PDB file of all heavy atoms in Angstrom:
ATOM      1  N   ASP A   1    -152.376  24.172 -16.971  1.00  0.00           N
ATOM      2  CA  ASP A   1    -152.140  23.192 -15.999  1.00  0.00           C
ATOM      3  C   ASP A   1    -150.968  22.332 -16.525  1.00  0.00           C
ATOM      4  O   ASP A   1    -150.840  22.116 -17.723  1.00  0.00           O
ATOM      5  CB  ASP A   1    -153.345  22.322 -15.666  1.00  0.00           C
ATOM      6  CG  ASP A   1    -154.378  23.044 -14.858  1.00  0.00           C
ATOM      7  OD1 ASP A   1    -154.043  24.018 -14.208  1.00  0.00           O
ATOM      8  OD2 ASP A   1    -155.515  22.559 -14.909  1.00  0.00           O
ATOM      9  N   ILE A   2    -150.199  21.820 -15.652  1.00  0.00           N
ATOM     10  CA  ILE A   2    -149.037  20.995 -15.927  1.00  0.00           C
ATOM     11  C   ILE A   2    -149.291  19.611 -15.748  1.00  0.00           C
ATOM     12  O   ILE A   2    -149.971  19.193 -14.609  1.00  0.00           O
ATOM     13  CB  ILE A   2    -147.807  21.487 -15.117  1.00  0.00           C
ATOM     14  CG1 ILE A   2    -147.535  22.975 -15.302  1.00  0.00           C
ATOM     15  CG2 ILE A   2    -146.617  20.639 -15.360  1.00  0.00           C
ATOM     16  CD1 ILE A   2    -146.583  23.543 -14.325  1.00  0.00           C
ATOM     17  N   GLY A   3    -148.917  18.647 -16.556  1.00  0.00           N
ATOM     18  CA  GLY A   3    -149.155  17.215 -16.358  1.00  0.00           C
ATOM     19  C   GLY A   3    -148.148  16.396 -17.015  1.00  0.00           C
ATOM     20  O   GLY A   3    -147.470  16.874 -17.988  1.00  0.00           O
ATOM     21  N   PHE A   4    -148.015  15.175 -16.546  1.00  0.00           N
ATOM     22  CA  PHE A   4    -146.991  14.226 -17.007  1.00  0.00           C
ATOM     23  C   PHE A   4    -147.390  12.835 -16.991  1.00  0.00           C
ATOM     24  O   PHE A   4    -148.387  12.380 -16.207  1.00  0.00           O
ATOM     25  CB  PHE A   4    -145.755  14.309 -16.071  1.00  0.00           C
ATOM     26  CG  PHE A   4    -145.235  15.641 -15.772  1.00  0.00           C
ATOM     27  CD1 PHE A   4    -145.729  16.326 -14.642  1.00  0.00           C
ATOM     28  CD2 PHE A   4    -144.396  16.198 -16.609  1.00  0.00           C
ATOM     29  CE1 PHE A   4    -145.210  17.621 -14.452  1.00  0.00           C
ATOM     30  CE2 PHE A   4    -143.916  17.469 -16.437  1.00  0.00           C
ATOM     31  CZ  PHE A   4    -144.345  18.178 -15.293  1.00  0.00           C
ATOM     32  N   THR A   5    -146.890  12.034 -17.906  1.00  0.00           N
ATOM     33  CA  THR A   5    -147.140  10.653 -17.865  1.00  0.00           C
ATOM     34  C   THR A   5    -145.758   9.937 -17.655  1.00  0.00           C
ATOM     35  O   THR A   5    -144.768  10.350 -18.257  1.00  0.00           O
ATOM     36  CB  THR A   5    -147.602  10.164 -19.276  1.00  0.00           C
ATOM     37  OG1 THR A   5    -148.870  10.880 -19.560  1.00  0.00           O
ATOM     38  CG2 THR A   5    -147.907   8.640 -19.291  1.00  0.00           C
ATOM     39  N   LEU A   6    -145.674   9.035 -16.746  1.00  0.00           N
ATOM     40  CA  LEU A   6    -144.435   8.446 -16.296  1.00  0.00           C
ATOM     41  C   LEU A   6    -144.528   6.948 -16.301  1.00  0.00           C
ATOM     42  O   LEU A   6    -145.611   6.372 -16.118  1.00  0.00           O
ATOM     43  CB  LEU A   6    -144.065   8.811 -14.892  1.00  0.00           C
ATOM     44  CG  LEU A   6    -144.080  10.353 -14.562  1.00  0.00           C
ATOM     45  CD1 LEU A   6    -145.353  10.712 -13.819  1.00  0.00           C
ATOM     46  CD2 LEU A   6    -142.960  10.643 -13.719  1.00  0.00           C
ATOM     47  N   ARG A   7    -143.436   6.285 -16.540  1.00  0.00           N
ATOM     48  CA  ARG A   7    -143.343   4.758 -16.560  1.00  0.00           C
ATOM     49  C   ARG A   7    -141.863   4.448 -16.086  1.00  0.00           C
ATOM     50  O   ARG A   7    -140.962   4.836 -16.722  1.00  0.00           O
ATOM     51  CB  ARG A   7    -143.690   4.173 -17.933  1.00  0.00           C
ATOM     52  CG  ARG A   7    -143.751   2.697 -17.937  1.00  0.00           C
ATOM     53  CD  ARG A   7    -144.139   2.333 -19.348  1.00  0.00           C
ATOM     54  NE  ARG A   7    -144.392   0.891 -19.352  1.00  0.00           N
ATOM     55  CZ  ARG A   7    -145.442   0.190 -19.112  1.00  0.00           C
ATOM     56  NH1 ARG A   7    -146.605   0.905 -18.997  1.00  0.00           N
ATOM     57  NH2 ARG A   7    -145.521  -1.094 -19.235  1.00  0.00           N
ATOM     58  N   SER A   8    -141.855   3.615 -15.052  1.00  0.00           N
ATOM     59  CA  SER A   8    -140.542   3.127 -14.535  1.00  0.00           C
ATOM     60  C   SER A   8    -140.432   1.613 -14.706  1.00  0.00           C
ATOM     61  O   SER A   8    -141.464   0.940 -14.521  1.00  0.00           O
ATOM     62  CB  SER A   8    -140.510   3.545 -13.010  1.00  0.00           C
ATOM     63  OG  SER A   8    -139.343   2.943 -12.473  1.00  0.00           O
ATOM     64  N   ASN A   9    -139.216   1.183 -15.045  1.00  0.00           N
ATOM     65  CA  ASN A   9    -139.106  -0.239 -15.219  1.00  0.00           C
ATOM     66  C   ASN A   9    -138.928  -0.949 -13.815  1.00  0.00           C
ATOM     67  O   ASN A   9    -138.948  -2.136 -13.797  1.00  0.00           O
ATOM     68  CB  ASN A   9    -137.871  -0.525 -16.098  1.00  0.00           C
ATOM     69  CG  ASN A   9    -136.613  -0.251 -15.502  1.00  0.00           C
ATOM     70  OD1 ASN A   9    -136.471   0.659 -14.676  1.00  0.00           O
ATOM     71  ND2 ASN A   9    -135.544  -0.853 -16.006  1.00  0.00           N
ATOM     72  N   GLN A  10    -138.803  -0.135 -12.804  1.00  0.00           N
ATOM     73  CA  GLN A  10    -138.665  -0.661 -11.464  1.00  0.00           C
ATOM     74  C   GLN A  10    -139.693   0.013 -10.561  1.00  0.00           C
ATOM     75  O   GLN A  10    -139.956   1.223 -10.674  1.00  0.00           O
ATOM     76  CB  GLN A  10    -137.309  -0.475 -10.868  1.00  0.00           C
ATOM     77  CG  GLN A  10    -136.241  -1.288 -11.543  1.00  0.00           C
ATOM     78  CD  GLN A  10    -134.884  -1.150 -10.895  1.00  0.00           C
ATOM     79  OE1 GLN A  10    -134.714  -0.668  -9.812  1.00  0.00           O
ATOM     80  NE2 GLN A  10    -133.868  -1.539 -11.682  1.00  0.00           N
ATOM     81  N   GLY A  11    -140.318  -0.732  -9.593  1.00  0.00           N
ATOM     82  CA  GLY A  11    -141.210  -0.112  -8.714  1.00  0.00           C
ATOM     83  C   GLY A  11    -140.473   0.710  -7.655  1.00  0.00           C
ATOM     84  O   GLY A  11    -139.311   0.583  -7.433  1.00  0.00           O
ATOM     85  N   GLY A  12    -141.235   1.548  -6.915  1.00  0.00           N
ATOM     86  CA  GLY A  12    -140.542   2.352  -5.839  1.00  0.00           C
ATOM     87  C   GLY A  12    -141.357   3.507  -5.476  1.00  0.00           C
ATOM     88  O   GLY A  12    -142.679   3.435  -5.638  1.00  0.00           O
ATOM     89  N   TYR A  13    -140.762   4.563  -5.044  1.00  0.00           N
ATOM     90  CA  TYR A  13    -141.431   5.721  -4.559  1.00  0.00           C
ATOM     91  C   TYR A  13    -141.033   6.940  -5.464  1.00  0.00           C
ATOM     92  O   TYR A  13    -139.858   7.199  -5.578  1.00  0.00           O
ATOM     93  CB  TYR A  13    -141.063   6.031  -3.164  1.00  0.00           C
ATOM     94  CG  TYR A  13    -141.623   4.964  -2.231  1.00  0.00           C
ATOM     95  CD1 TYR A  13    -140.854   3.823  -1.880  1.00  0.00           C
ATOM     96  CD2 TYR A  13    -142.897   5.028  -1.615  1.00  0.00           C
ATOM     97  CE1 TYR A  13    -141.297   2.877  -1.127  1.00  0.00           C
ATOM     98  CE2 TYR A  13    -143.360   4.045  -0.832  1.00  0.00           C
ATOM     99  CZ  TYR A  13    -142.559   2.899  -0.605  1.00  0.00           C
ATOM    100  OH  TYR A  13    -143.047   1.910   0.213  1.00  0.00           O
ATOM    101  N   LEU A  14    -142.043   7.555  -6.011  1.00  0.00           N
ATOM    102  CA  LEU A  14    -141.773   8.678  -6.930  1.00  0.00           C
ATOM    103  C   LEU A  14    -141.788   9.987  -6.273  1.00  0.00           C
ATOM    104  O   LEU A  14    -142.643  10.311  -5.447  1.00  0.00           O
ATOM    105  CB  LEU A  14    -142.974   8.730  -7.990  1.00  0.00           C
ATOM    106  CG  LEU A  14    -142.974   9.856  -9.034  1.00  0.00           C
ATOM    107  CD1 LEU A  14    -141.659   9.785  -9.833  1.00  0.00           C
ATOM    108  CD2 LEU A  14    -144.218   9.803  -9.905  1.00  0.00           C
ATOM    109  N   TYR A  15    -140.795  10.899  -6.591  1.00  0.00           N
ATOM    110  CA  TYR A  15    -140.670  12.174  -6.092  1.00  0.00           C
ATOM    111  C   TYR A  15    -140.459  13.178  -7.327  1.00  0.00           C
ATOM    112  O   TYR A  15    -139.785  12.803  -8.261  1.00  0.00           O
ATOM    113  CB  TYR A  15    -139.438  12.319  -5.216  1.00  0.00           C
ATOM    114  CG  TYR A  15    -139.584  11.471  -3.923  1.00  0.00           C
ATOM    115  CD1 TYR A  15    -139.106  10.173  -4.020  1.00  0.00           C
ATOM    116  CD2 TYR A  15    -140.188  11.981  -2.790  1.00  0.00           C
ATOM    117  CE1 TYR A  15    -139.147   9.327  -2.869  1.00  0.00           C
ATOM    118  CE2 TYR A  15    -140.322  11.164  -1.744  1.00  0.00           C
ATOM    119  CZ  TYR A  15    -139.789   9.826  -1.727  1.00  0.00           C
ATOM    120  OH  TYR A  15    -139.905   9.038  -0.574  1.00  0.00           O
ATOM    121  N   VAL A  16    -141.206  14.225  -7.230  1.00  0.00           N
ATOM    122  CA  VAL A  16    -141.060  15.270  -8.314  1.00  0.00           C
ATOM    123  C   VAL A  16    -140.779  16.538  -7.586  1.00  0.00           C
ATOM    124  O   VAL A  16    -141.503  17.028  -6.793  1.00  0.00           O
ATOM    125  CB  VAL A  16    -142.363  15.368  -9.168  1.00  0.00           C
ATOM    126  CG1 VAL A  16    -142.192  16.411 -10.228  1.00  0.00           C
ATOM    127  CG2 VAL A  16    -142.881  14.044  -9.688  1.00  0.00           C
ATOM    128  N   VAL A  17    -139.578  17.175  -8.073  1.00  0.00           N
ATOM    129  CA  VAL A  17    -139.177  18.387  -7.431  1.00  0.00           C
ATOM    130  C   VAL A  17    -138.947  19.466  -8.580  1.00  0.00           C
ATOM    131  O   VAL A  17    -138.437  19.069  -9.668  1.00  0.00           O
ATOM    132  CB  VAL A  17    -137.827  18.206  -6.751  1.00  0.00           C
ATOM    133  CG1 VAL A  17    -137.250  19.518  -6.082  1.00  0.00           C
ATOM    134  CG2 VAL A  17    -137.885  17.092  -5.663  1.00  0.00           C
ATOM    135  N   LEU A  18    -139.406  20.679  -8.273  1.00  0.00           N
ATOM    136  CA  LEU A  18    -139.321  21.736  -9.259  1.00  0.00           C
ATOM    137  C   LEU A  18    -138.362  22.725  -8.806  1.00  0.00           C
ATOM    138  O   LEU A  18    -138.395  23.118  -7.651  1.00  0.00           O
ATOM    139  CB  LEU A  18    -140.688  22.412  -9.419  1.00  0.00           C
ATOM    140  CG  LEU A  18    -140.732  23.594 -10.405  1.00  0.00           C
ATOM    141  CD1 LEU A  18    -141.926  23.461 -11.329  1.00  0.00           C
ATOM    142  CD2 LEU A  18    -140.756  24.912  -9.658  1.00  0.00           C
ATOM    143  N   LEU A  19    -137.403  23.127  -9.638  1.00  0.00           N
ATOM    144  CA  LEU A  19    -136.521  24.290  -9.412  1.00  0.00           C
ATOM    145  C   LEU A  19    -137.167  25.471 -10.154  1.00  0.00           C
ATOM    146  O   LEU A  19    -137.250  25.432 -11.434  1.00  0.00           O
ATOM    147  CB  LEU A  19    -135.102  24.062  -9.889  1.00  0.00           C
ATOM    148  CG  LEU A  19    -134.183  25.240  -9.908  1.00  0.00           C
ATOM    149  CD1 LEU A  19    -134.055  25.892  -8.522  1.00  0.00           C
ATOM    150  CD2 LEU A  19    -132.891  24.876 -10.492  1.00  0.00           C
ATOM    151  N   SER A  20    -137.597  26.556  -9.480  1.00  0.00           N
ATOM    152  CA  SER A  20    -138.286  27.608 -10.110  1.00  0.00           C
ATOM    153  C   SER A  20    -137.360  28.468 -11.053  1.00  0.00           C
ATOM    154  O   SER A  20    -136.092  28.384 -10.856  1.00  0.00           O
ATOM    155  CB  SER A  20    -138.852  28.526  -9.051  1.00  0.00           C
ATOM    156  OG  SER A  20    -139.460  29.660  -9.615  1.00  0.00           O
ATOM    157  N   SER A  21    -137.985  29.170 -11.956  1.00  0.00           N
ATOM    158  CA  SER A  21    -137.148  29.963 -12.902  1.00  0.00           C
ATOM    159  C   SER A  21    -136.335  31.022 -12.173  1.00  0.00           C
ATOM    160  O   SER A  21    -135.381  31.634 -12.697  1.00  0.00           O
ATOM    161  CB  SER A  21    -138.141  30.607 -13.861  1.00  0.00           C
ATOM    162  OG  SER A  21    -139.083  31.400 -13.158  1.00  0.00           O
ATOM    163  N   ASP A  22    -136.641  31.353 -10.913  1.00  0.00           N
ATOM    164  CA  ASP A  22    -135.837  32.279 -10.165  1.00  0.00           C
ATOM    165  C   ASP A  22    -134.468  31.690  -9.681  1.00  0.00           C
ATOM    166  O   ASP A  22    -133.670  32.355  -9.150  1.00  0.00           O
ATOM    167  CB  ASP A  22    -136.547  32.926  -8.946  1.00  0.00           C
ATOM    168  CG  ASP A  22    -136.868  31.956  -7.836  1.00  0.00           C
ATOM    169  OD1 ASP A  22    -136.402  30.756  -7.893  1.00  0.00           O
ATOM    170  OD2 ASP A  22    -137.598  32.391  -6.920  1.00  0.00           O
ATOM    171  N   ARG A  23    -134.328  30.386  -9.851  1.00  0.00           N
ATOM    172  CA  ARG A  23    -133.087  29.615  -9.473  1.00  0.00           C
ATOM    173  C   ARG A  23    -132.791  29.681  -8.023  1.00  0.00           C
ATOM    174  O   ARG A  23    -131.644  29.369  -7.579  1.00  0.00           O
ATOM    175  CB  ARG A  23    -131.882  30.051 -10.261  1.00  0.00           C
ATOM    176  CG  ARG A  23    -132.019  29.982 -11.731  1.00  0.00           C
ATOM    177  CD  ARG A  23    -132.205  28.469 -12.150  1.00  0.00           C
ATOM    178  NE  ARG A  23    -132.380  28.373 -13.595  1.00  0.00           N
ATOM    179  CZ  ARG A  23    -133.592  28.220 -14.164  1.00  0.00           C
ATOM    180  NH1 ARG A  23    -134.622  28.064 -13.447  1.00  0.00           N
ATOM    181  NH2 ARG A  23    -133.675  28.038 -15.483  1.00  0.00           N
ATOM    182  N   LYS A  24    -133.859  29.981  -7.161  1.00  0.00           N
ATOM    183  CA  LYS A  24    -133.662  30.053  -5.698  1.00  0.00           C
ATOM    184  C   LYS A  24    -134.650  29.226  -5.006  1.00  0.00           C
ATOM    185  O   LYS A  24    -134.439  28.729  -3.918  1.00  0.00           O
ATOM    186  CB  LYS A  24    -133.799  31.469  -5.251  1.00  0.00           C
ATOM    187  CG  LYS A  24    -132.754  32.422  -5.753  1.00  0.00           C
ATOM    188  CD  LYS A  24    -133.024  33.826  -5.248  1.00  0.00           C
ATOM    189  CE  LYS A  24    -132.069  34.829  -5.920  1.00  0.00           C
ATOM    190  NZ  LYS A  24    -132.386  36.213  -5.572  1.00  0.00           N
ATOM    191  N   SER A  25    -135.865  28.883  -5.663  1.00  0.00           N
ATOM    192  CA  SER A  25    -136.884  28.264  -4.948  1.00  0.00           C
ATOM    193  C   SER A  25    -137.005  26.825  -5.465  1.00  0.00           C
ATOM    194  O   SER A  25    -137.097  26.553  -6.642  1.00  0.00           O
ATOM    195  CB  SER A  25    -138.159  28.999  -5.240  1.00  0.00           C
ATOM    196  OG  SER A  25    -138.052  30.336  -4.793  1.00  0.00           O
ATOM    197  N   PHE A  26    -137.108  25.847  -4.543  1.00  0.00           N
ATOM    198  CA  PHE A  26    -137.422  24.390  -4.832  1.00  0.00           C
ATOM    199  C   PHE A  26    -138.768  24.097  -4.306  1.00  0.00           C
ATOM    200  O   PHE A  26    -139.104  24.522  -3.184  1.00  0.00           O
ATOM    201  CB  PHE A  26    -136.388  23.497  -4.201  1.00  0.00           C
ATOM    202  CG  PHE A  26    -135.023  23.501  -4.817  1.00  0.00           C
ATOM    203  CD1 PHE A  26    -134.009  24.429  -4.421  1.00  0.00           C
ATOM    204  CD2 PHE A  26    -134.718  22.557  -5.844  1.00  0.00           C
ATOM    205  CE1 PHE A  26    -132.852  24.414  -4.949  1.00  0.00           C
ATOM    206  CE2 PHE A  26    -133.429  22.527  -6.414  1.00  0.00           C
ATOM    207  CZ  PHE A  26    -132.508  23.428  -6.009  1.00  0.00           C
ATOM    208  N   TYR A  27    -139.460  23.251  -4.971  1.00  0.00           N
ATOM    209  CA  TYR A  27    -140.826  22.862  -4.564  1.00  0.00           C
ATOM    210  C   TYR A  27    -140.910  21.398  -4.789  1.00  0.00           C
ATOM    211  O   TYR A  27    -140.693  20.869  -5.886  1.00  0.00           O
ATOM    212  CB  TYR A  27    -141.925  23.595  -5.323  1.00  0.00           C
ATOM    213  CG  TYR A  27    -141.849  25.056  -5.123  1.00  0.00           C
ATOM    214  CD1 TYR A  27    -141.293  25.869  -6.224  1.00  0.00           C
ATOM    215  CD2 TYR A  27    -142.385  25.710  -4.019  1.00  0.00           C
ATOM    216  CE1 TYR A  27    -141.234  27.268  -6.007  1.00  0.00           C
ATOM    217  CE2 TYR A  27    -142.436  27.088  -3.922  1.00  0.00           C
ATOM    218  CZ  TYR A  27    -141.744  27.831  -4.855  1.00  0.00           C
ATOM    219  OH  TYR A  27    -141.686  29.192  -4.794  1.00  0.00           O
ATOM    220  N   VAL A  28    -141.454  20.640  -3.841  1.00  0.00           N
ATOM    221  CA  VAL A  28    -141.748  19.253  -3.974  1.00  0.00           C
ATOM    222  C   VAL A  28    -143.235  19.272  -4.409  1.00  0.00           C
ATOM    223  O   VAL A  28    -144.058  19.492  -3.720  1.00  0.00           O
ATOM    224  CB  VAL A  28    -141.619  18.448  -2.638  1.00  0.00           C
ATOM    225  CG1 VAL A  28    -142.063  17.015  -2.827  1.00  0.00           C
ATOM    226  CG2 VAL A  28    -140.219  18.537  -2.130  1.00  0.00           C
ATOM    227  N   LEU A  29    -143.331  18.849  -5.664  1.00  0.00           N
ATOM    228  CA  LEU A  29    -144.692  18.744  -6.323  1.00  0.00           C
ATOM    229  C   LEU A  29    -145.476  17.462  -5.955  1.00  0.00           C
ATOM    230  O   LEU A  29    -146.642  17.383  -5.844  1.00  0.00           O
ATOM    231  CB  LEU A  29    -144.650  18.909  -7.816  1.00  0.00           C
ATOM    232  CG  LEU A  29    -144.008  20.228  -8.372  1.00  0.00           C
ATOM    233  CD1 LEU A  29    -143.988  20.184  -9.841  1.00  0.00           C
ATOM    234  CD2 LEU A  29    -144.704  21.438  -7.860  1.00  0.00           C
ATOM    235  N   PHE A  30    -144.623  16.479  -5.762  1.00  0.00           N
ATOM    236  CA  PHE A  30    -145.249  15.142  -5.511  1.00  0.00           C
ATOM    237  C   PHE A  30    -144.262  14.280  -4.768  1.00  0.00           C
ATOM    238  O   PHE A  30    -143.062  14.291  -5.197  1.00  0.00           O
ATOM    239  CB  PHE A  30    -145.634  14.420  -6.773  1.00  0.00           C
ATOM    240  CG  PHE A  30    -146.273  13.082  -6.574  1.00  0.00           C
ATOM    241  CD1 PHE A  30    -147.647  13.112  -6.142  1.00  0.00           C
ATOM    242  CD2 PHE A  30    -145.683  11.925  -6.832  1.00  0.00           C
ATOM    243  CE1 PHE A  30    -148.272  11.894  -5.926  1.00  0.00           C
ATOM    244  CE2 PHE A  30    -146.342  10.709  -6.674  1.00  0.00           C
ATOM    245  CZ  PHE A  30    -147.704  10.736  -6.243  1.00  0.00           C
ATOM    246  N   PRO A  31    -144.629  13.657  -3.527  1.00  0.00           N
ATOM    247  CA  PRO A  31    -145.909  13.665  -3.005  1.00  0.00           C
ATOM    248  C   PRO A  31    -146.212  15.071  -2.378  1.00  0.00           C
ATOM    249  O   PRO A  31    -145.298  15.842  -2.260  1.00  0.00           O
ATOM    250  CB  PRO A  31    -145.836  12.603  -1.891  1.00  0.00           C
ATOM    251  CG  PRO A  31    -144.346  12.519  -1.516  1.00  0.00           C
ATOM    252  CD  PRO A  31    -143.690  12.885  -2.836  1.00  0.00           C
ATOM    253  N   ASN A  32    -147.478  15.229  -1.982  1.00  0.00           N
ATOM    254  CA  ASN A  32    -147.882  16.495  -1.533  1.00  0.00           C
ATOM    255  C   ASN A  32    -149.009  16.318  -0.499  1.00  0.00           C
ATOM    256  O   ASN A  32    -149.433  15.211  -0.233  1.00  0.00           O
ATOM    257  CB  ASN A  32    -148.345  17.495  -2.628  1.00  0.00           C
ATOM    258  CG  ASN A  32    -149.407  16.837  -3.485  1.00  0.00           C
ATOM    259  OD1 ASN A  32    -150.458  16.478  -3.048  1.00  0.00           O
ATOM    260  ND2 ASN A  32    -149.221  16.792  -4.793  1.00  0.00           N
ATOM    261  N   GLY A  33    -149.574  17.416   0.103  1.00  0.00           N
ATOM    262  CA  GLY A  33    -150.606  17.396   1.009  1.00  0.00           C
ATOM    263  C   GLY A  33    -151.903  16.780   0.556  1.00  0.00           C
ATOM    264  O   GLY A  33    -152.779  16.306   1.265  1.00  0.00           O
ATOM    265  N   LEU A  34    -152.115  16.899  -0.815  1.00  0.00           N
ATOM    266  CA  LEU A  34    -153.352  16.314  -1.351  1.00  0.00           C
ATOM    267  C   LEU A  34    -153.206  14.844  -1.751  1.00  0.00           C
ATOM    268  O   LEU A  34    -154.209  14.148  -1.930  1.00  0.00           O
ATOM    269  CB  LEU A  34    -153.808  17.123  -2.515  1.00  0.00           C
ATOM    270  CG  LEU A  34    -154.100  18.625  -2.239  1.00  0.00           C
ATOM    271  CD1 LEU A  34    -154.336  19.390  -3.579  1.00  0.00           C
ATOM    272  CD2 LEU A  34    -155.316  18.720  -1.354  1.00  0.00           C
ATOM    273  N   ASP A  35    -151.981  14.406  -1.952  1.00  0.00           N
ATOM    274  CA  ASP A  35    -151.689  13.118  -2.411  1.00  0.00           C
ATOM    275  C   ASP A  35    -150.354  12.595  -1.969  1.00  0.00           C
ATOM    276  O   ASP A  35    -149.290  12.921  -2.497  1.00  0.00           O
ATOM    277  CB  ASP A  35    -151.741  13.086  -4.012  1.00  0.00           C
ATOM    278  CG  ASP A  35    -151.696  11.673  -4.568  1.00  0.00           C
ATOM    279  OD1 ASP A  35    -151.553  10.683  -3.842  1.00  0.00           O
ATOM    280  OD2 ASP A  35    -151.796  11.580  -5.770  1.00  0.00           O
ATOM    281  N   ALA A  36    -150.411  11.890  -0.819  1.00  0.00           N
ATOM    282  CA  ALA A  36    -149.144  11.421  -0.196  1.00  0.00           C
ATOM    283  C   ALA A  36    -148.741  10.088  -0.670  1.00  0.00           C
ATOM    284  O   ALA A  36    -147.673   9.618  -0.386  1.00  0.00           O
ATOM    285  CB  ALA A  36    -149.338  11.453   1.304  1.00  0.00           C
ATOM    286  N   ASP A  37    -149.577   9.334  -1.403  1.00  0.00           N
ATOM    287  CA  ASP A  37    -149.253   8.009  -1.861  1.00  0.00           C
ATOM    288  C   ASP A  37    -148.375   8.052  -3.072  1.00  0.00           C
ATOM    289  O   ASP A  37    -148.878   8.141  -4.272  1.00  0.00           O
ATOM    290  CB  ASP A  37    -150.532   7.211  -2.141  1.00  0.00           C
ATOM    291  CG  ASP A  37    -150.307   5.786  -2.538  1.00  0.00           C
ATOM    292  OD1 ASP A  37    -149.099   5.335  -2.409  1.00  0.00           O
ATOM    293  OD2 ASP A  37    -151.279   5.167  -3.036  1.00  0.00           O
ATOM    294  N   ASN A  38    -147.102   8.005  -2.934  1.00  0.00           N
ATOM    295  CA  ASN A  38    -146.205   8.171  -4.085  1.00  0.00           C
ATOM    296  C   ASN A  38    -145.606   6.775  -4.530  1.00  0.00           C
ATOM    297  O   ASN A  38    -144.611   6.824  -5.298  1.00  0.00           O
ATOM    298  CB  ASN A  38    -145.011   9.136  -3.776  1.00  0.00           C
ATOM    299  CG  ASN A  38    -144.170   8.704  -2.641  1.00  0.00           C
ATOM    300  OD1 ASN A  38    -144.637   8.058  -1.664  1.00  0.00           O
ATOM    301  ND2 ASN A  38    -142.933   9.148  -2.607  1.00  0.00           N
ATOM    302  N   ARG A  39    -146.101   5.732  -4.044  1.00  0.00           N
ATOM    303  CA  ARG A  39    -145.655   4.361  -4.479  1.00  0.00           C
ATOM    304  C   ARG A  39    -146.082   4.091  -5.883  1.00  0.00           C
ATOM    305  O   ARG A  39    -147.243   4.311  -6.167  1.00  0.00           O
ATOM    306  CB  ARG A  39    -146.191   3.304  -3.480  1.00  0.00           C
ATOM    307  CG  ARG A  39    -145.763   1.936  -3.960  1.00  0.00           C
ATOM    308  CD  ARG A  39    -144.885   1.270  -2.869  1.00  0.00           C
ATOM    309  NE  ARG A  39    -144.622  -0.123  -3.130  1.00  0.00           N
ATOM    310  CZ  ARG A  39    -143.421  -0.479  -3.719  1.00  0.00           C
ATOM    311  NH1 ARG A  39    -142.475   0.495  -3.810  1.00  0.00           N
ATOM    312  NH2 ARG A  39    -143.175  -1.671  -3.936  1.00  0.00           N
ATOM    313  N   ILE A  40    -145.141   3.677  -6.712  1.00  0.00           N
ATOM    314  CA  ILE A  40    -145.535   3.326  -8.096  1.00  0.00           C
ATOM    315  C   ILE A  40    -145.026   1.967  -8.426  1.00  0.00           C
ATOM    316  O   ILE A  40    -143.920   1.526  -8.015  1.00  0.00           O
ATOM    317  CB  ILE A  40    -145.006   4.347  -9.170  1.00  0.00           C
ATOM    318  CG1 ILE A  40    -143.494   4.357  -9.145  1.00  0.00           C
ATOM    319  CG2 ILE A  40    -145.585   5.773  -8.859  1.00  0.00           C
ATOM    320  CD1 ILE A  40    -142.958   5.170 -10.357  1.00  0.00           C
ATOM    321  N   PRO A  41    -145.833   1.115  -9.104  1.00  0.00           N
ATOM    322  CA  PRO A  41    -145.388  -0.232  -9.516  1.00  0.00           C
ATOM    323  C   PRO A  41    -144.599  -0.162 -10.732  1.00  0.00           C
ATOM    324  O   PRO A  41    -144.624   0.805 -11.473  1.00  0.00           O
ATOM    325  CB  PRO A  41    -146.775  -0.963  -9.728  1.00  0.00           C
ATOM    326  CG  PRO A  41    -147.776   0.159 -10.036  1.00  0.00           C
ATOM    327  CD  PRO A  41    -147.248   1.391  -9.360  1.00  0.00           C
TER     328      PRO A  41
END
């Protein structure tokens, strides 16, 4: 499983995008259908 710890000096909305190893596919990992609340303080 993949995981991260993040800390921003400014609040806002967090987006995490993955470019797959095939160099053709992009995936929005966050926000997603299971967790749409991407606001971070």
